[in-house]
């Protein structure tokens, strides 16, 4: 009921790809007694033996030639072809959108990696930064990142939060991929914010010696009206895209996704803070003593209000 599109070298055969995929697929799933295949996988006997060890019983790889099982495989192959056609159609549409993004922002080529950033907090409390990544294959959720804001500053200082996020993100990029050949550097950075956020990010990257990453800030329209967003690029006047432009809809989806991810991360952090017991932060109090105090006084708040004499008893 789900299509998979494994990445592989063009020189690999169907047998190689299928054998590798089956081994990886069942690494974290129950192994059935029989697996129907359309092609004989590479090293089928070795693969079956490995699956047998995992399942602790015999596992058979079967390539049926006739009968109902052959019909099942033929149906799966048809589904695979249809899924591939849909994916290719979506990729074609995605490519057109990325070409439109490049044209809108004056990029030399369609971006392969777009990073989108946002912050979330309530009056500075439980502040987090969020980064989502998108490209020709859509959202790359395994590349999403969250940043717990550590800075000491005025509550709700979005500029300081953004500076911290970018300092941490790109300091790490400089350290781990200085040659920019591992596909981890963005071709475009989108910032949820306006001219002030753009200036903060630009200054932070300049301090790191980075001046060639394209930056664009997306500011919500008047009364937060979708379709009237303003776009800010360094050293250029703000502009808008036509309200029904597919590129605008795409950029709105990117912004909405980073906003969703940031809000979800913030809520999870806030919930964890609410569940946290204040006694956890008191040095010298282990689990047994904490339990004894709570049983005696009834709550952490009662412990905090207790006198020294009460605590000593």
C-alpha atoms as a PDB file:
ATOM      1  CA  UNK A   1       0.000   0.000   0.000  1.00  0.00           C
ATOM      2  CA  UNK A   2       3.026   2.290  -0.248  1.00  0.00           C
ATOM      3  CA  UNK A   3       5.455   3.031  -3.066  1.00  0.00           C
ATOM      4  CA  UNK A   4       9.216   3.219  -2.469  1.00  0.00           C
ATOM      5  CA  UNK A   5      11.750   4.808  -4.781  1.00  0.00           C
ATOM      6  CA  UNK A   6      15.202   3.588  -3.683  1.00  0.00           C
ATOM      7  CA  UNK A   7      18.211   5.589  -4.756  1.00  0.00           C
ATOM      8  CA  UNK A   8      20.857   3.564  -6.525  1.00  0.00           C
ATOM      9  CA  UNK A   9      23.672   3.709  -9.033  1.00  0.00           C
ATOM     10  CA  UNK A  10      22.554   3.504 -12.659  1.00  0.00           C
ATOM     11  CA  UNK A  11      24.948   0.601 -13.191  1.00  0.00           C
ATOM     12  CA  UNK A  12      23.136  -1.588 -10.656  1.00  0.00           C
ATOM     13  CA  UNK A  13      20.849  -4.306 -11.988  1.00  0.00           C
ATOM     14  CA  UNK A  14      17.256  -4.945 -10.958  1.00  0.00           C
ATOM     15  CA  UNK A  15      18.485  -7.989  -9.038  1.00  0.00           C
ATOM     16  CA  UNK A  16      20.997  -5.855  -7.090  1.00  0.00           C
ATOM     17  CA  UNK A  17      18.453  -3.164  -6.214  1.00  0.00           C
ATOM     18  CA  UNK A  18      15.712  -5.630  -5.268  1.00  0.00           C
ATOM     19  CA  UNK A  19      18.020  -7.680  -3.066  1.00  0.00           C
ATOM     20  CA  UNK A  20      19.296  -4.605  -1.231  1.00  0.00           C
ATOM     21  CA  UNK A  21      15.805  -3.187  -0.824  1.00  0.00           C
ATOM     22  CA  UNK A  22      14.303  -6.378   0.623  1.00  0.00           C
ATOM     23  CA  UNK A  23      17.121  -6.658   3.158  1.00  0.00           C
ATOM     24  CA  UNK A  24      16.692  -3.037   4.272  1.00  0.00           C
ATOM     25  CA  UNK A  25      12.887  -3.134   4.211  1.00  0.00           C
ATOM     26  CA  UNK A  26      12.613  -6.042   6.647  1.00  0.00           C
ATOM     27  CA  UNK A  27      15.338  -4.755   8.956  1.00  0.00           C
ATOM     28  CA  UNK A  28      12.662  -3.189  11.200  1.00  0.00           C
ATOM     29  CA  UNK A  29       9.523  -5.079  10.136  1.00  0.00           C
ATOM     30  CA  UNK A  30       8.121  -8.577  10.783  1.00  0.00           C
ATOM     31  CA  UNK A  31       9.279 -11.045   8.147  1.00  0.00           C
ATOM     32  CA  UNK A  32       6.531 -13.138   6.477  1.00  0.00           C
ATOM     33  CA  UNK A  33       6.936 -16.808   5.655  1.00  0.00           C
ATOM     34  CA  UNK A  34       6.807 -16.100   1.926  1.00  0.00           C
ATOM     35  CA  UNK A  35       7.861 -13.061  -0.126  1.00  0.00           C
ATOM     36  CA  UNK A  36       6.606 -12.812  -3.707  1.00  0.00           C
ATOM     37  CA  UNK A  37       9.007 -11.110  -6.115  1.00  0.00           C
ATOM     38  CA  UNK A  38       8.864 -10.045  -9.752  1.00  0.00           C
ATOM     39  CA  UNK A  39      12.600 -10.741 -10.281  1.00  0.00           C
ATOM     40  CA  UNK A  40      15.055 -13.060  -8.599  1.00  0.00           C
ATOM     41  CA  UNK A  41      17.056 -10.840  -6.212  1.00  0.00           C
ATOM     42  CA  UNK A  42      20.833 -10.942  -6.123  1.00  0.00           C
ATOM     43  CA  UNK A  43      22.185 -13.640  -3.768  1.00  0.00           C
ATOM     44  CA  UNK A  44      18.676 -14.868  -3.066  1.00  0.00           C
ATOM     45  CA  UNK A  45      19.810 -17.833  -0.964  1.00  0.00           C
ATOM     46  CA  UNK A  46      21.962 -15.643   1.279  1.00  0.00           C
ATOM     47  CA  UNK A  47      19.125 -13.125   1.618  1.00  0.00           C
ATOM     48  CA  UNK A  48      16.618 -15.848   2.523  1.00  0.00           C
ATOM     49  CA  UNK A  49      19.041 -17.227   5.102  1.00  0.00           C
ATOM     50  CA  UNK A  50      19.463 -13.786   6.700  1.00  0.00           C
ATOM     51  CA  UNK A  51      15.699 -13.336   6.847  1.00  0.00           C
ATOM     52  CA  UNK A  52      15.342 -16.804   8.331  1.00  0.00           C
ATOM     53  CA  UNK A  53      17.724 -15.881  11.141  1.00  0.00           C
ATOM     54  CA  UNK A  54      15.739 -12.717  11.864  1.00  0.00           C
ATOM     55  CA  UNK A  55      12.349 -14.479  11.791  1.00  0.00           C
ATOM     56  CA  UNK A  56      13.675 -17.625  13.497  1.00  0.00           C
ATOM     57  CA  UNK A  57      11.844 -19.791  10.963  1.00  0.00           C
ATOM     58  CA  UNK A  58      12.034 -20.646   7.284  1.00  0.00           C
ATOM     59  CA  UNK A  59      11.457 -17.788   4.837  1.00  0.00           C
ATOM     60  CA  UNK A  60      10.895 -18.399   1.138  1.00  0.00           C
ATOM     61  CA  UNK A  61      11.518 -15.976  -1.725  1.00  0.00           C
ATOM     62  CA  UNK A  62       9.104 -16.975  -4.489  1.00  0.00           C
ATOM     63  CA  UNK A  63       8.970 -15.738  -8.075  1.00  0.00           C
ATOM     64  CA  UNK A  64       5.664 -17.258  -9.239  1.00  0.00           C
ATOM     65  CA  UNK A  65       5.327 -18.168 -12.914  1.00  0.00           C
ATOM     66  CA  UNK A  66       1.586 -18.916 -13.046  1.00  0.00           C
ATOM     67  CA  UNK A  67      -1.603 -18.985 -11.032  1.00  0.00           C
ATOM     68  CA  UNK A  68      -3.077 -16.566  -8.437  1.00  0.00           C
ATOM     69  CA  UNK A  69       0.325 -15.633  -6.978  1.00  0.00           C
ATOM     70  CA  UNK A  70       1.549 -14.606 -10.409  1.00  0.00           C
ATOM     71  CA  UNK A  71      -1.556 -12.374 -10.698  1.00  0.00           C
ATOM     72  CA  UNK A  72      -0.693 -10.752  -7.353  1.00  0.00           C
ATOM     73  CA  UNK A  73       2.812  -9.900  -8.577  1.00  0.00           C
ATOM     74  CA  UNK A  74       1.473  -8.589 -11.906  1.00  0.00           C
ATOM     75  CA  UNK A  75      -0.919  -6.317 -10.023  1.00  0.00           C
ATOM     76  CA  UNK A  76       1.935  -5.038  -7.842  1.00  0.00           C
ATOM     77  CA  UNK A  77       3.997  -4.302 -10.963  1.00  0.00           C
ATOM     78  CA  UNK A  78       1.105  -2.310 -12.468  1.00  0.00           C
ATOM     79  CA  UNK A  79       0.760  -0.340  -9.251  1.00  0.00           C
ATOM     80  CA  UNK A  80       4.507   0.355  -9.288  1.00  0.00           C
ATOM     81  CA  UNK A  81       4.376   1.664 -12.860  1.00  0.00           C
ATOM     82  CA  UNK A  82       1.439   3.948 -12.008  1.00  0.00           C
ATOM     83  CA  UNK A  83       3.195   5.224  -8.876  1.00  0.00           C
ATOM     84  CA  UNK A  84       6.327   5.976 -10.908  1.00  0.00           C
ATOM     85  CA  UNK A  85       4.311   7.860 -13.528  1.00  0.00           C
ATOM     86  CA  UNK A  86       2.657   9.961 -10.807  1.00  0.00           C
ATOM     87  CA  UNK A  87       6.017  10.691  -9.234  1.00  0.00           C
ATOM     88  CA  UNK A  88       7.515  11.731 -12.568  1.00  0.00           C
ATOM     89  CA  UNK A  89       4.548  14.010 -13.226  1.00  0.00           C
ATOM     90  CA  UNK A  90       4.911  15.572  -9.773  1.00  0.00           C
ATOM     91  CA  UNK A  91       8.656  15.989 -10.301  1.00  0.00           C
ATOM     92  CA  UNK A  92       7.998  17.748 -13.598  1.00  0.00           C
ATOM     93  CA  UNK A  93       5.600  20.156 -11.879  1.00  0.00           C
ATOM     94  CA  UNK A  94       8.083  20.657  -9.055  1.00  0.00           C
ATOM     95  CA  UNK A  95      10.826  21.462 -11.549  1.00  0.00           C
ATOM     96  CA  UNK A  96       8.659  24.115 -13.178  1.00  0.00           C
ATOM     97  CA  UNK A  97       7.990  25.674  -9.773  1.00  0.00           C
ATOM     98  CA  UNK A  98      11.690  25.701  -8.919  1.00  0.00           C
ATOM     99  CA  UNK A  99      12.453  27.295 -12.290  1.00  0.00           C
ATOM    100  CA  UNK A 100       9.865  29.939 -11.389  1.00  0.00           C
ATOM    101  CA  UNK A 101      11.521  30.499  -7.992  1.00  0.00           C
ATOM    102  CA  UNK A 102      14.868  31.001  -9.726  1.00  0.00           C
ATOM    103  CA  UNK A 103      13.335  33.539 -12.106  1.00  0.00           C
ATOM    104  CA  UNK A 104      11.491  35.406  -9.324  1.00  0.00           C
ATOM    105  CA  UNK A 105      14.617  35.797  -7.193  1.00  0.00           C
ATOM    106  CA  UNK A 106      17.236  36.123  -9.922  1.00  0.00           C
ATOM    107  CA  UNK A 107      19.022  32.848  -9.190  1.00  0.00           C
ATOM    108  CA  UNK A 108      21.433  31.427 -11.786  1.00  0.00           C
ATOM    109  CA  UNK A 109      19.653  28.047 -11.783  1.00  0.00           C
ATOM    110  CA  UNK A 110      16.720  26.254 -10.201  1.00  0.00           C
ATOM    111  CA  UNK A 111      17.554  25.590  -6.525  1.00  0.00           C
ATOM    112  CA  UNK A 112      18.236  21.968  -5.558  1.00  0.00           C
ATOM    113  CA  UNK A 113      18.065  22.685  -1.823  1.00  0.00           C
ATOM    114  CA  UNK A 114      15.878  25.371  -0.252  1.00  0.00           C
ATOM    115  CA  UNK A 115      16.141  25.965   3.496  1.00  0.00           C
ATOM    116  CA  UNK A 116      13.297  27.798   5.247  1.00  0.00           C
ATOM    117  CA  UNK A 117      13.620  29.259   8.769  1.00  0.00           C
ATOM    118  CA  UNK A 118      11.195  30.418  11.462  1.00  0.00           C
ATOM    119  CA  UNK A 119      11.136  30.978  15.236  1.00  0.00           C
ATOM    120  CA  UNK A 120       8.412  30.198  17.756  1.00  0.00           C
ATOM    121  CA  UNK A 121       7.959  31.296  21.385  1.00  0.00           C
ATOM    122  CA  UNK A 122       5.516  32.881  23.826  1.00  0.00           C
ATOM    123  CA  UNK A 123       6.969  36.145  25.154  1.00  0.00           C
ATOM    124  CA  UNK A 124      10.421  34.616  24.790  1.00  0.00           C
ATOM    125  CA  UNK A 125       9.620  31.452  26.782  1.00  0.00           C
ATOM    126  CA  UNK A 126      10.463  27.999  25.399  1.00  0.00           C
ATOM    127  CA  UNK A 127      11.936  29.636  22.304  1.00  0.00           C
ATOM    128  CA  UNK A 128      12.886  27.415  19.386  1.00  0.00           C
ATOM    129  CA  UNK A 129      14.162  27.904  15.878  1.00  0.00           C
ATOM    130  CA  UNK A 130      13.113  25.639  13.026  1.00  0.00           C
ATOM    131  CA  UNK A 131      14.519  24.760   9.615  1.00  0.00           C
ATOM    132  CA  UNK A 132      12.738  22.784   6.897  1.00  0.00           C
ATOM    133  CA  UNK A 133      14.266  21.697   3.603  1.00  0.00           C
ATOM    134  CA  UNK A 134      12.679  21.318   0.173  1.00  0.00           C
ATOM    135  CA  UNK A 135      13.919  20.497  -3.304  1.00  0.00           C
ATOM    136  CA  UNK A 136      13.038  18.683  -6.530  1.00  0.00           C
ATOM    137  CA  UNK A 137      11.688  15.695  -4.560  1.00  0.00           C
ATOM    138  CA  UNK A 138       9.501  17.855  -2.306  1.00  0.00           C
ATOM    139  CA  UNK A 139      10.005  18.270   1.425  1.00  0.00           C
ATOM    140  CA  UNK A 140      13.072  16.447   2.776  1.00  0.00           C
ATOM    141  CA  UNK A 141      11.835  15.718   6.283  1.00  0.00           C
ATOM    142  CA  UNK A 142      14.938  13.798   7.308  1.00  0.00           C
ATOM    143  CA  UNK A 143      16.846  17.077   6.878  1.00  0.00           C
ATOM    144  CA  UNK A 144      14.586  19.162   9.130  1.00  0.00           C
ATOM    145  CA  UNK A 145      16.334  20.673  12.146  1.00  0.00           C
ATOM    146  CA  UNK A 146      15.221  22.320  15.377  1.00  0.00           C
ATOM    147  CA  UNK A 147      17.254  24.711  17.522  1.00  0.00           C
ATOM    148  CA  UNK A 148      16.639  25.254  21.219  1.00  0.00           C
ATOM    149  CA  UNK A 149      17.391  28.939  21.696  1.00  0.00           C
ATOM    150  CA  UNK A 150      20.121  29.409  24.314  1.00  0.00           C
ATOM    151  CA  UNK A 151      20.664  33.164  24.104  1.00  0.00           C
ATOM    152  CA  UNK A 152      20.272  35.529  27.016  1.00  0.00           C
ATOM    153  CA  UNK A 153      18.494  38.629  25.862  1.00  0.00           C
ATOM    154  CA  UNK A 154      15.232  40.504  25.823  1.00  0.00           C
ATOM    155  CA  UNK A 155      12.264  38.139  25.787  1.00  0.00           C
ATOM    156  CA  UNK A 156      10.854  37.829  22.296  1.00  0.00           C
ATOM    157  CA  UNK A 157      13.889  39.296  20.506  1.00  0.00           C
ATOM    158  CA  UNK A 158      13.296  37.636  17.129  1.00  0.00           C
ATOM    159  CA  UNK A 159      16.397  39.196  15.625  1.00  0.00           C
ATOM    160  CA  UNK A 160      18.657  37.719  18.321  1.00  0.00           C
ATOM    161  CA  UNK A 161      16.985  34.332  17.924  1.00  0.00           C
ATOM    162  CA  UNK A 162      17.512  34.372  14.178  1.00  0.00           C
ATOM    163  CA  UNK A 163      21.163  35.359  14.610  1.00  0.00           C
ATOM    164  CA  UNK A 164      21.713  32.446  16.986  1.00  0.00           C
ATOM    165  CA  UNK A 165      20.036  29.943  14.673  1.00  0.00           C
ATOM    166  CA  UNK A 166      22.062  31.010  11.645  1.00  0.00           C
ATOM    167  CA  UNK A 167      25.301  31.202  13.584  1.00  0.00           C
ATOM    168  CA  UNK A 168      24.867  27.632  14.785  1.00  0.00           C
ATOM    169  CA  UNK A 169      23.630  26.276  11.452  1.00  0.00           C
ATOM    170  CA  UNK A 170      26.349  27.764   9.268  1.00  0.00           C
ATOM    171  CA  UNK A 171      29.215  27.449  11.757  1.00  0.00           C
ATOM    172  CA  UNK A 172      28.508  23.746  11.664  1.00  0.00           C
ATOM    173  CA  UNK A 173      28.304  23.774   7.858  1.00  0.00           C
ATOM    174  CA  UNK A 174      31.693  25.456   7.632  1.00  0.00           C
ATOM    175  CA  UNK A 175      33.147  22.861   9.965  1.00  0.00           C
ATOM    176  CA  UNK A 176      31.568  19.727   8.497  1.00  0.00           C
ATOM    177  CA  UNK A 177      31.412  20.625   4.798  1.00  0.00           C
ATOM    178  CA  UNK A 178      33.879  23.434   4.084  1.00  0.00           C
ATOM    179  CA  UNK A 179      34.157  22.481   0.401  1.00  0.00           C
ATOM    180  CA  UNK A 180      30.385  22.456  -0.065  1.00  0.00           C
ATOM    181  CA  UNK A 181      30.483  19.181  -1.969  1.00  0.00           C
ATOM    182  CA  UNK A 182      28.205  17.070   0.243  1.00  0.00           C
ATOM    183  CA  UNK A 183      24.886  18.592  -0.815  1.00  0.00           C
ATOM    184  CA  UNK A 184      24.260  20.194   2.581  1.00  0.00           C
ATOM    185  CA  UNK A 185      24.601  23.847   1.590  1.00  0.00           C
ATOM    186  CA  UNK A 186      21.437  25.661   0.463  1.00  0.00           C
ATOM    187  CA  UNK A 187      20.986  27.194  -2.961  1.00  0.00           C
ATOM    188  CA  UNK A 188      18.362  29.486  -1.438  1.00  0.00           C
ATOM    189  CA  UNK A 189      17.467  30.515   2.131  1.00  0.00           C
ATOM    190  CA  UNK A 190      13.939  31.717   2.894  1.00  0.00           C
ATOM    191  CA  UNK A 191      13.321  33.565   6.167  1.00  0.00           C
ATOM    192  CA  UNK A 192       9.873  33.999   7.682  1.00  0.00           C
ATOM    193  CA  UNK A 193      10.049  37.693   8.505  1.00  0.00           C
ATOM    194  CA  UNK A 194      10.753  41.064   7.046  1.00  0.00           C
ATOM    195  CA  UNK A 195      13.590  43.455   6.416  1.00  0.00           C
ATOM    196  CA  UNK A 196      14.841  43.325  10.014  1.00  0.00           C
ATOM    197  CA  UNK A 197      15.189  39.540  10.055  1.00  0.00           C
ATOM    198  CA  UNK A 198      16.916  39.658   6.680  1.00  0.00           C
ATOM    199  CA  UNK A 199      19.462  42.204   7.963  1.00  0.00           C
ATOM    200  CA  UNK A 200      20.161  40.117  11.083  1.00  0.00           C
ATOM    201  CA  UNK A 201      20.776  36.989   9.028  1.00  0.00           C
ATOM    202  CA  UNK A 202      22.921  38.846   6.525  1.00  0.00           C
ATOM    203  CA  UNK A 203      25.107  40.317   9.281  1.00  0.00           C
ATOM    204  CA  UNK A 204      25.490  36.926  10.967  1.00  0.00           C
ATOM    205  CA  UNK A 205      26.605  35.226   7.757  1.00  0.00           C
ATOM    206  CA  UNK A 206      28.990  38.101   6.981  1.00  0.00           C
ATOM    207  CA  UNK A 207      30.647  37.580  10.380  1.00  0.00           C
ATOM    208  CA  UNK A 208      31.213  33.955   9.369  1.00  0.00           C
ATOM    209  CA  UNK A 209      32.715  35.035   6.045  1.00  0.00           C
ATOM    210  CA  UNK A 210      29.731  33.848   3.999  1.00  0.00           C
ATOM    211  CA  UNK A 211      28.412  36.263   1.405  1.00  0.00           C
ATOM    212  CA  UNK A 212      27.259  34.031  -1.451  1.00  0.00           C
ATOM    213  CA  UNK A 213      24.172  32.271  -0.053  1.00  0.00           C
ATOM    214  CA  UNK A 214      21.015  33.773  -1.641  1.00  0.00           C
ATOM    215  CA  UNK A 215      18.699  35.185   1.048  1.00  0.00           C
ATOM    216  CA  UNK A 216      15.021  36.095   0.779  1.00  0.00           C
ATOM    217  CA  UNK A 217      12.680  37.194   3.584  1.00  0.00           C
ATOM    218  CA  UNK A 218       8.920  36.641   3.309  1.00  0.00           C
ATOM    219  CA  UNK A 219       6.792  39.143   5.194  1.00  0.00           C
ATOM    220  CA  UNK A 220       3.077  38.558   5.676  1.00  0.00           C
ATOM    221  CA  UNK A 221       0.772  40.952   3.878  1.00  0.00           C
ATOM    222  CA  UNK A 222      -1.390  43.632   5.508  1.00  0.00           C
ATOM    223  CA  UNK A 223      -3.653  42.074   8.161  1.00  0.00           C
ATOM    224  CA  UNK A 224      -1.717  38.844   7.560  1.00  0.00           C
ATOM    225  CA  UNK A 225      -3.475  38.594   4.207  1.00  0.00           C
ATOM    226  CA  UNK A 226      -2.225  35.582   2.224  1.00  0.00           C
ATOM    227  CA  UNK A 227      -1.473  36.531  -1.359  1.00  0.00           C
ATOM    228  CA  UNK A 228      -0.125  39.970  -0.500  1.00  0.00           C
ATOM    229  CA  UNK A 229       3.196  38.833   0.960  1.00  0.00           C
ATOM    230  CA  UNK A 230       6.202  41.055   0.434  1.00  0.00           C
ATOM    231  CA  UNK A 231       9.569  39.649  -0.535  1.00  0.00           C
ATOM    232  CA  UNK A 232      12.827  41.256   0.591  1.00  0.00           C
ATOM    233  CA  UNK A 233      16.177  40.614  -1.074  1.00  0.00           C
ATOM    234  CA  UNK A 234      19.459  42.239   0.004  1.00  0.00           C
ATOM    235  CA  UNK A 235      19.956  45.734  -1.436  1.00  0.00           C
ATOM    236  CA  UNK A 236      16.703  45.594  -3.409  1.00  0.00           C
ATOM    237  CA  UNK A 237      13.281  47.176  -2.905  1.00  0.00           C
ATOM    238  CA  UNK A 238      10.529  44.895  -1.617  1.00  0.00           C
ATOM    239  CA  UNK A 239       8.182  43.407  -4.190  1.00  0.00           C
ATOM    240  CA  UNK A 240       5.124  41.184  -4.501  1.00  0.00           C
ATOM    241  CA  UNK A 241       4.224  38.296  -6.790  1.00  0.00           C
ATOM    242  CA  UNK A 242       0.887  38.122  -8.619  1.00  0.00           C
ATOM    243  CA  UNK A 243      -1.820  36.794  -6.282  1.00  0.00           C
ATOM    244  CA  UNK A 244      -2.548  33.741  -8.438  1.00  0.00           C
ATOM    245  CA  UNK A 245       1.045  32.948  -9.359  1.00  0.00           C
ATOM    246  CA  UNK A 246       1.776  29.207  -8.794  1.00  0.00           C
ATOM    247  CA  UNK A 247       5.241  30.208  -7.551  1.00  0.00           C
ATOM    248  CA  UNK A 248       3.608  32.325  -4.836  1.00  0.00           C
ATOM    249  CA  UNK A 249       1.430  29.377  -3.779  1.00  0.00           C
ATOM    250  CA  UNK A 250       4.554  27.210  -3.608  1.00  0.00           C
ATOM    251  CA  UNK A 251       6.419  29.740  -1.468  1.00  0.00           C
ATOM    252  CA  UNK A 252       3.385  29.998   0.819  1.00  0.00           C
ATOM    253  CA  UNK A 253       3.460  26.203   1.271  1.00  0.00           C
ATOM    254  CA  UNK A 254       7.133  26.393   2.224  1.00  0.00           C
ATOM    255  CA  UNK A 255       6.435  29.125   4.766  1.00  0.00           C
ATOM    256  CA  UNK A 256       3.420  27.273   6.155  1.00  0.00           C
ATOM    257  CA  UNK A 257       5.472  24.092   6.559  1.00  0.00           C
ATOM    258  CA  UNK A 258       8.252  25.772   8.539  1.00  0.00           C
ATOM    259  CA  UNK A 259       5.628  27.553  10.636  1.00  0.00           C
ATOM    260  CA  UNK A 260       3.902  24.226  11.367  1.00  0.00           C
ATOM    261  CA  UNK A 261       7.218  22.597  12.287  1.00  0.00           C
ATOM    262  CA  UNK A 262       8.258  25.519  14.514  1.00  0.00           C
ATOM    263  CA  UNK A 263       4.910  25.622  16.336  1.00  0.00           C
ATOM    264  CA  UNK A 264       4.961  21.847  16.876  1.00  0.00           C
ATOM    265  CA  UNK A 265       8.496  21.957  18.243  1.00  0.00           C
ATOM    266  CA  UNK A 266       7.627  24.858  20.556  1.00  0.00           C
ATOM    267  CA  UNK A 267       4.540  23.089  21.897  1.00  0.00           C
ATOM    268  CA  UNK A 268       6.517  19.921  22.589  1.00  0.00           C
ATOM    269  CA  UNK A 269       9.151  21.922  24.472  1.00  0.00           C
ATOM    270  CA  UNK A 270       6.491  23.796  26.445  1.00  0.00           C
ATOM    271  CA  UNK A 271       4.721  20.548  27.379  1.00  0.00           C
ATOM    272  CA  UNK A 272       8.002  19.039  28.562  1.00  0.00           C
ATOM    273  CA  UNK A 273       8.681  22.133  30.681  1.00  0.00           C
ATOM    274  CA  UNK A 274       5.229  21.906  32.250  1.00  0.00           C
ATOM    275  CA  UNK A 275       5.767  18.245  33.149  1.00  0.00           C
ATOM    276  CA  UNK A 276       9.207  18.929  34.618  1.00  0.00           C
ATOM    277  CA  UNK A 277       9.444  18.767  38.409  1.00  0.00           C
ATOM    278  CA  UNK A 278      11.265  21.753  40.015  1.00  0.00           C
ATOM    279  CA  UNK A 279      13.016  19.316  42.367  1.00  0.00           C
ATOM    280  CA  UNK A 280      14.872  17.904  39.349  1.00  0.00           C
ATOM    281  CA  UNK A 281      17.027  21.049  39.323  1.00  0.00           C
ATOM    282  CA  UNK A 282      18.033  20.871  42.999  1.00  0.00           C
ATOM    283  CA  UNK A 283      21.567  19.436  43.337  1.00  0.00           C
ATOM    284  CA  UNK A 284      21.989  16.555  45.748  1.00  0.00           C
ATOM    285  CA  UNK A 285      18.402  15.318  45.544  1.00  0.00           C
ATOM    286  CA  UNK A 286      18.157  11.902  43.950  1.00  0.00           C
ATOM    287  CA  UNK A 287      15.050   9.910  42.992  1.00  0.00           C
ATOM    288  CA  UNK A 288      14.556   8.386  46.471  1.00  0.00           C
ATOM    289  CA  UNK A 289      14.842  11.697  48.333  1.00  0.00           C
ATOM    290  CA  UNK A 290      12.616  13.448  45.825  1.00  0.00           C
ATOM    291  CA  UNK A 291       9.963  10.763  46.306  1.00  0.00           C
ATOM    292  CA  UNK A 292      10.215  11.074  50.095  1.00  0.00           C
ATOM    293  CA  UNK A 293       9.820  14.865  49.958  1.00  0.00           C
ATOM    294  CA  UNK A 294       6.818  14.668  47.662  1.00  0.00           C
ATOM    295  CA  UNK A 295       5.161  12.028  49.825  1.00  0.00           C
ATOM    296  CA  UNK A 296       5.738  14.102  52.948  1.00  0.00           C
ATOM    297  CA  UNK A 297       4.789  17.566  51.669  1.00  0.00           C
ATOM    298  CA  UNK A 298       2.373  16.571  48.906  1.00  0.00           C
ATOM    299  CA  UNK A 299       3.784  18.674  46.041  1.00  0.00           C
ATOM    300  CA  UNK A 300       6.907  20.426  44.784  1.00  0.00           C
ATOM    301  CA  UNK A 301       5.304  23.803  45.563  1.00  0.00           C
ATOM    302  CA  UNK A 302       4.797  22.759  49.190  1.00  0.00           C
ATOM    303  CA  UNK A 303       8.433  21.679  49.380  1.00  0.00           C
ATOM    304  CA  UNK A 304       9.550  25.103  48.098  1.00  0.00           C
ATOM    305  CA  UNK A 305       7.461  26.841  50.770  1.00  0.00           C
ATOM    306  CA  UNK A 306       8.654  24.634  53.623  1.00  0.00           C
ATOM    307  CA  UNK A 307      10.904  26.128  56.301  1.00  0.00           C
ATOM    308  CA  UNK A 308      14.400  24.860  56.991  1.00  0.00           C
ATOM    309  CA  UNK A 309      13.134  23.314  60.214  1.00  0.00           C
ATOM    310  CA  UNK A 310      10.401  21.438  58.358  1.00  0.00           C
ATOM    311  CA  UNK A 311      12.889  20.162  55.802  1.00  0.00           C
ATOM    312  CA  UNK A 312      15.293  19.009  58.516  1.00  0.00           C
ATOM    313  CA  UNK A 313      12.551  16.944  60.169  1.00  0.00           C
END
